[in-house]
Amino acid sequence: MDKLQPILLILPLLGLSFWLWMAWDFGKNDRLSRQEKTYWTVAFVFLNVFAAVYYYVYEYRRRH
């Protein structure tokens, strides 16, 4: 169990970092309408990392 503790600490930090990165990006994304930003905000609040992954696949990768 002692060998798993660092992994159990790193995974949530990686998820949080990715979520913050995608949240920051969609906040700066000028191609999204105000209504789309509202939808993304709700998704990011309630779906957390799952919404961040979805945003990455369908919005972030199209622009970069």
PDB file of N, CA and C in Angstrom:
ATOM      1  N   MET A   1       0.817  -1.205   0.000  1.00  0.00           N
ATOM      2  CA  MET A   1       0.000   0.000   0.000  1.00  0.00           C
ATOM      3  C   MET A   1       0.858   1.265   0.000  1.00  0.00           C
ATOM      4  N   ASP A   2       2.034   1.191   0.605  1.00  0.00           N
ATOM      5  CA  ASP A   2       2.891   2.377   0.651  1.00  0.00           C
ATOM      6  C   ASP A   2       3.369   2.803  -0.729  1.00  0.00           C
ATOM      7  N   LYS A   3       3.497   1.854  -1.649  1.00  0.00           N
ATOM      8  CA  LYS A   3       3.948   2.185  -2.999  1.00  0.00           C
ATOM      9  C   LYS A   3       2.860   2.877  -3.804  1.00  0.00           C
ATOM     10  N   LEU A   4       1.600   2.682  -3.430  1.00  0.00           N
ATOM     11  CA  LEU A   4       0.492   3.297  -4.149  1.00  0.00           C
ATOM     12  C   LEU A   4       0.203   4.731  -3.702  1.00  0.00           C
ATOM     13  N   GLN A   5       0.666   5.113  -2.540  1.00  0.00           N
ATOM     14  CA  GLN A   5       0.346   6.448  -2.020  1.00  0.00           C
ATOM     15  C   GLN A   5       0.808   7.579  -2.938  1.00  0.00           C
ATOM     16  N   PRO A   6       2.033   7.550  -3.465  1.00  0.00           N
ATOM     17  CA  PRO A   6       2.402   8.651  -4.380  1.00  0.00           C
ATOM     18  C   PRO A   6       1.519   8.706  -5.625  1.00  0.00           C
ATOM     19  N   ILE A   7       1.146   7.548  -6.146  1.00  0.00           N
ATOM     20  CA  ILE A   7       0.289   7.513  -7.330  1.00  0.00           C
ATOM     21  C   ILE A   7      -1.088   8.065  -6.997  1.00  0.00           C
ATOM     22  N   LEU A   8      -1.592   7.709  -5.820  1.00  0.00           N
ATOM     23  CA  LEU A   8      -2.913   8.196  -5.413  1.00  0.00           C
ATOM     24  C   LEU A   8      -2.919   9.698  -5.163  1.00  0.00           C
ATOM     25  N   LEU A   9      -1.760  10.289  -4.929  1.00  0.00           N
ATOM     26  CA  LEU A   9      -1.666  11.743  -4.788  1.00  0.00           C
ATOM     27  C   LEU A   9      -1.435  12.429  -6.130  1.00  0.00           C
ATOM     28  N   ILE A  10      -0.704  11.778  -7.016  1.00  0.00           N
ATOM     29  CA  ILE A  10      -0.357  12.394  -8.299  1.00  0.00           C
ATOM     30  C   ILE A  10      -1.546  12.430  -9.255  1.00  0.00           C
ATOM     31  N   LEU A  11      -2.334  11.363  -9.319  1.00  0.00           N
ATOM     32  CA  LEU A  11      -3.456  11.319 -10.263  1.00  0.00           C
ATOM     33  C   LEU A  11      -4.468  12.444 -10.067  1.00  0.00           C
ATOM     34  N   PRO A  12      -4.923  12.719  -8.854  1.00  0.00           N
ATOM     35  CA  PRO A  12      -5.849  13.855  -8.696  1.00  0.00           C
ATOM     36  C   PRO A  12      -5.207  15.194  -9.057  1.00  0.00           C
ATOM     37  N   LEU A  13      -3.920  15.348  -8.769  1.00  0.00           N
ATOM     38  CA  LEU A  13      -3.240  16.596  -9.122  1.00  0.00           C
ATOM     39  C   LEU A  13      -3.134  16.762 -10.637  1.00  0.00           C
ATOM     40  N   LEU A  14      -2.878  15.666 -11.333  1.00  0.00           N
ATOM     41  CA  LEU A  14      -2.842  15.731 -12.803  1.00  0.00           C
ATOM     42  C   LEU A  14      -4.221  16.067 -13.364  1.00  0.00           C
ATOM     43  N   GLY A  15      -5.257  15.447 -12.814  1.00  0.00           N
ATOM     44  CA  GLY A  15      -6.622  15.740 -13.259  1.00  0.00           C
ATOM     45  C   GLY A  15      -6.992  17.193 -13.014  1.00  0.00           C
ATOM     46  N   LEU A  16      -6.635  17.706 -11.852  1.00  0.00           N
ATOM     47  CA  LEU A  16      -6.925  19.102 -11.527  1.00  0.00           C
ATOM     48  C   LEU A  16      -6.156  20.050 -12.441  1.00  0.00           C
ATOM     49  N   SER A  17      -4.911  19.731 -12.692  1.00  0.00           N
ATOM     50  CA  SER A  17      -4.102  20.570 -13.581  1.00  0.00           C
ATOM     51  C   SER A  17      -4.684  20.611 -14.987  1.00  0.00           C
ATOM     52  N   PHE A  18      -5.084  19.446 -15.505  1.00  0.00           N
ATOM     53  CA  PHE A  18      -5.684  19.382 -16.837  1.00  0.00           C
ATOM     54  C   PHE A  18      -6.999  20.158 -16.873  1.00  0.00           C
ATOM     55  N   TRP A  19      -7.818  19.995 -15.826  1.00  0.00           N
ATOM     56  CA  TRP A  19      -9.100  20.692 -15.745  1.00  0.00           C
ATOM     57  C   TRP A  19      -8.884  22.203 -15.747  1.00  0.00           C
ATOM     58  N   LEU A  20      -7.923  22.684 -14.962  1.00  0.00           N
ATOM     59  CA  LEU A  20      -7.635  24.120 -14.915  1.00  0.00           C
ATOM     60  C   LEU A  20      -7.122  24.636 -16.264  1.00  0.00           C
ATOM     61  N   TRP A  21      -6.282  23.853 -16.925  1.00  0.00           N
ATOM     62  CA  TRP A  21      -5.751  24.235 -18.235  1.00  0.00           C
ATOM     63  C   TRP A  21      -6.882  24.391 -19.238  1.00  0.00           C
ATOM     64  N   MET A  22      -7.798  23.427 -19.293  1.00  0.00           N
ATOM     65  CA  MET A  22      -8.907  23.494 -20.241  1.00  0.00           C
ATOM     66  C   MET A  22      -9.900  24.593 -19.852  1.00  0.00           C
ATOM     67  N   ALA A  23     -10.135  24.784 -18.559  1.00  0.00           N
ATOM     68  CA  ALA A  23     -11.031  25.853 -18.120  1.00  0.00           C
ATOM     69  C   ALA A  23     -10.449  27.218 -18.499  1.00  0.00           C
ATOM     70  N   TRP A  24      -9.167  27.383 -18.332  1.00  0.00           N
ATOM     71  CA  TRP A  24      -8.500  28.634 -18.709  1.00  0.00           C
ATOM     72  C   TRP A  24      -8.617  28.849 -20.225  1.00  0.00           C
ATOM     73  N   ASP A  25      -8.427  27.783 -20.986  1.00  0.00           N
ATOM     74  CA  ASP A  25      -8.488  27.897 -22.441  1.00  0.00           C
ATOM     75  C   ASP A  25      -9.890  28.256 -22.919  1.00  0.00           C
ATOM     76  N   PHE A  26     -10.915  27.596 -22.369  1.00  0.00           N
ATOM     77  CA  PHE A  26     -12.259  27.921 -22.861  1.00  0.00           C
ATOM     78  C   PHE A  26     -12.681  29.315 -22.418  1.00  0.00           C
ATOM     79  N   GLY A  27     -12.131  29.812 -21.326  1.00  0.00           N
ATOM     80  CA  GLY A  27     -12.419  31.180 -20.919  1.00  0.00           C
ATOM     81  C   GLY A  27     -11.843  32.206 -21.880  1.00  0.00           C
ATOM     82  N   LYS A  28     -10.713  31.868 -22.487  1.00  0.00           N
ATOM     83  CA  LYS A  28     -10.060  32.772 -23.440  1.00  0.00           C
ATOM     84  C   LYS A  28     -10.497  32.539 -24.876  1.00  0.00           C
ATOM     85  N   ASN A  29     -11.266  31.490 -25.133  1.00  0.00           N
ATOM     86  CA  ASN A  29     -11.655  31.116 -26.486  1.00  0.00           C
ATOM     87  C   ASN A  29     -12.699  32.108 -27.020  1.00  0.00           C
ATOM     88  N   ASP A  30     -12.267  32.963 -27.936  1.00  0.00           N
ATOM     89  CA  ASP A  30     -13.154  33.985 -28.503  1.00  0.00           C
ATOM     90  C   ASP A  30     -14.077  33.435 -29.577  1.00  0.00           C
ATOM     91  N   ARG A  31     -13.816  32.226 -30.055  1.00  0.00           N
ATOM     92  CA  ARG A  31     -14.669  31.636 -31.095  1.00  0.00           C
ATOM     93  C   ARG A  31     -15.969  31.072 -30.529  1.00  0.00           C
ATOM     94  N   LEU A  32     -16.049  30.921 -29.212  1.00  0.00           N
ATOM     95  CA  LEU A  32     -17.274  30.426 -28.585  1.00  0.00           C
ATOM     96  C   LEU A  32     -18.226  31.588 -28.327  1.00  0.00           C
ATOM     97  N   SER A  33     -19.499  31.358 -28.571  1.00  0.00           N
ATOM     98  CA  SER A  33     -20.495  32.387 -28.265  1.00  0.00           C
ATOM     99  C   SER A  33     -20.703  32.457 -26.753  1.00  0.00           C
ATOM    100  N   ARG A  34     -21.394  33.474 -26.329  1.00  0.00           N
ATOM    101  CA  ARG A  34     -21.664  33.638 -24.900  1.00  0.00           C
ATOM    102  C   ARG A  34     -22.486  32.459 -24.369  1.00  0.00           C
ATOM    103  N   GLN A  35     -23.441  32.006 -25.160  1.00  0.00           N
ATOM    104  CA  GLN A  35     -24.277  30.875 -24.756  1.00  0.00           C
ATOM    105  C   GLN A  35     -23.446  29.590 -24.651  1.00  0.00           C
ATOM    106  N   GLU A  36     -22.533  29.382 -25.606  1.00  0.00           N
ATOM    107  CA  GLU A  36     -21.668  28.200 -25.545  1.00  0.00           C
ATOM    108  C   GLU A  36     -20.763  28.235 -24.320  1.00  0.00           C
ATOM    109  N   LYS A  37     -20.266  29.420 -23.993  1.00  0.00           N
ATOM    110  CA  LYS A  37     -19.432  29.534 -22.790  1.00  0.00           C
ATOM    111  C   LYS A  37     -20.236  29.218 -21.536  1.00  0.00           C
ATOM    112  N   THR A  38     -21.490  29.609 -21.520  1.00  0.00           N
ATOM    113  CA  THR A  38     -22.349  29.275 -20.378  1.00  0.00           C
ATOM    114  C   THR A  38     -22.522  27.771 -20.271  1.00  0.00           C
ATOM    115  N   TYR A  39     -22.774  27.109 -21.391  1.00  0.00           N
ATOM    116  CA  TYR A  39     -22.916  25.651 -21.392  1.00  0.00           C
ATOM    117  C   TYR A  39     -21.624  24.970 -20.932  1.00  0.00           C
ATOM    118  N   TRP A  40     -20.499  25.449 -21.432  1.00  0.00           N
ATOM    119  CA  TRP A  40     -19.227  24.862 -21.027  1.00  0.00           C
ATOM    120  C   TRP A  40     -18.966  25.089 -19.541  1.00  0.00           C
ATOM    121  N   THR A  41     -19.332  26.240 -19.027  1.00  0.00           N
ATOM    122  CA  THR A  41     -19.150  26.504 -17.596  1.00  0.00           C
ATOM    123  C   THR A  41     -19.948  25.521 -16.765  1.00  0.00           C
ATOM    124  N   VAL A  42     -21.193  25.309 -17.134  1.00  0.00           N
ATOM    125  CA  VAL A  42     -22.029  24.346 -16.406  1.00  0.00           C
ATOM    126  C   VAL A  42     -21.424  22.948 -16.507  1.00  0.00           C
ATOM    127  N   ALA A  43     -20.970  22.574 -17.694  1.00  0.00           N
ATOM    128  CA  ALA A  43     -20.368  21.255 -17.877  1.00  0.00           C
ATOM    129  C   ALA A  43     -19.106  21.108 -17.028  1.00  0.00           C
ATOM    130  N   PHE A  44     -18.270  22.134 -17.003  1.00  0.00           N
ATOM    131  CA  PHE A  44     -17.034  22.066 -16.235  1.00  0.00           C
ATOM    132  C   PHE A  44     -17.309  21.970 -14.733  1.00  0.00           C
ATOM    133  N   VAL A  45     -18.360  22.625 -14.276  1.00  0.00           N
ATOM    134  CA  VAL A  45     -18.680  22.579 -12.844  1.00  0.00           C
ATOM    135  C   VAL A  45     -19.235  21.215 -12.453  1.00  0.00           C
ATOM    136  N   PHE A  46     -20.134  20.666 -13.258  1.00  0.00           N
ATOM    137  CA  PHE A  46     -20.811  19.436 -12.864  1.00  0.00           C
ATOM    138  C   PHE A  46     -20.111  18.162 -13.337  1.00  0.00           C
ATOM    139  N   LEU A  47     -19.400  18.228 -14.456  1.00  0.00           N
ATOM    140  CA  LEU A  47     -18.765  17.024 -14.996  1.00  0.00           C
ATOM    141  C   LEU A  47     -17.252  16.995 -14.806  1.00  0.00           C
ATOM    142  N   ASN A  48     -16.696  18.083 -14.352  1.00  0.00           N
ATOM    143  CA  ASN A  48     -15.278  18.189 -14.005  1.00  0.00           C
ATOM    144  C   ASN A  48     -14.351  17.714 -15.107  1.00  0.00           C
ATOM    145  N   VAL A  49     -13.532  16.724 -14.818  1.00  0.00           N
ATOM    146  CA  VAL A  49     -12.497  16.277 -15.750  1.00  0.00           C
ATOM    147  C   VAL A  49     -13.102  15.686 -17.016  1.00  0.00           C
ATOM    148  N   PHE A  50     -14.277  15.066 -16.923  1.00  0.00           N
ATOM    149  CA  PHE A  50     -14.914  14.503 -18.115  1.00  0.00           C
ATOM    150  C   PHE A  50     -15.251  15.600 -19.119  1.00  0.00           C
ATOM    151  N   ALA A  51     -15.734  16.720 -18.643  1.00  0.00           N
ATOM    152  CA  ALA A  51     -16.014  17.849 -19.532  1.00  0.00           C
ATOM    153  C   ALA A  51     -14.723  18.418 -20.099  1.00  0.00           C
ATOM    154  N   ALA A  52     -13.658  18.432 -19.307  1.00  0.00           N
ATOM    155  CA  ALA A  52     -12.372  18.934 -19.785  1.00  0.00           C
ATOM    156  C   ALA A  52     -11.835  18.056 -20.911  1.00  0.00           C
ATOM    157  N   VAL A  53     -11.973  16.745 -20.776  1.00  0.00           N
ATOM    158  CA  VAL A  53     -11.529  15.836 -21.833  1.00  0.00           C
ATOM    159  C   VAL A  53     -12.374  16.051 -23.085  1.00  0.00           C
ATOM    160  N   TYR A  54     -13.666  16.182 -22.927  1.00  0.00           N
ATOM    161  CA  TYR A  54     -14.560  16.419 -24.066  1.00  0.00           C
ATOM    162  C   TYR A  54     -14.207  17.743 -24.753  1.00  0.00           C
ATOM    163  N   TYR A  55     -13.967  18.784 -23.966  1.00  0.00           N
ATOM    164  CA  TYR A  55     -13.576  20.077 -24.523  1.00  0.00           C
ATOM    165  C   TYR A  55     -12.257  19.952 -25.284  1.00  0.00           C
ATOM    166  N   TYR A  56     -11.315  19.230 -24.715  1.00  0.00           N
ATOM    167  CA  TYR A  56     -10.017  19.044 -25.368  1.00  0.00           C
ATOM    168  C   TYR A  56     -10.183  18.389 -26.730  1.00  0.00           C
ATOM    169  N   VAL A  57     -10.984  17.350 -26.791  1.00  0.00           N
ATOM    170  CA  VAL A  57     -11.152  16.592 -28.039  1.00  0.00           C
ATOM    171  C   VAL A  57     -11.905  17.400 -29.091  1.00  0.00           C
ATOM    172  N   TYR A  58     -12.967  18.097 -28.684  1.00  0.00           N
ATOM    173  CA  TYR A  58     -13.850  18.734 -29.668  1.00  0.00           C
ATOM    174  C   TYR A  58     -13.623  20.223 -29.895  1.00  0.00           C
ATOM    175  N   GLU A  59     -12.933  20.895 -29.025  1.00  0.00           N
ATOM    176  CA  GLU A  59     -12.708  22.340 -29.228  1.00  0.00           C
ATOM    177  C   GLU A  59     -11.221  22.676 -29.294  1.00  0.00           C
ATOM    178  N   TYR A  60     -10.465  22.264 -28.317  1.00  0.00           N
ATOM    179  CA  TYR A  60      -9.058  22.658 -28.214  1.00  0.00           C
ATOM    180  C   TYR A  60      -8.241  22.149 -29.411  1.00  0.00           C
ATOM    181  N   ARG A  61      -8.408  20.869 -29.746  1.00  0.00           N
ATOM    182  CA  ARG A  61      -7.614  20.283 -30.831  1.00  0.00           C
ATOM    183  C   ARG A  61      -7.967  20.873 -32.184  1.00  0.00           C
ATOM    184  N   ARG A  62      -9.162  21.361 -32.360  1.00  0.00           N
ATOM    185  CA  ARG A  62      -9.539  21.980 -33.648  1.00  0.00           C
ATOM    186  C   ARG A  62      -8.816  23.289 -33.864  1.00  0.00           C
ATOM    187  N   ARG A  63      -8.524  23.995 -32.789  1.00  0.00           N
ATOM    188  CA  ARG A  63      -7.864  25.293 -32.902  1.00  0.00           C
ATOM    189  C   ARG A  63      -6.353  25.193 -32.945  1.00  0.00           C
ATOM    190  N   HIS A  64      -5.796  24.132 -32.413  1.00  0.00           N
ATOM    191  CA  HIS A  64      -4.326  24.036 -32.321  1.00  0.00           C
ATOM    192  C   HIS A  64      -3.775  22.958 -33.196  1.00  0.00           C
TER     193      HIS A  64
END
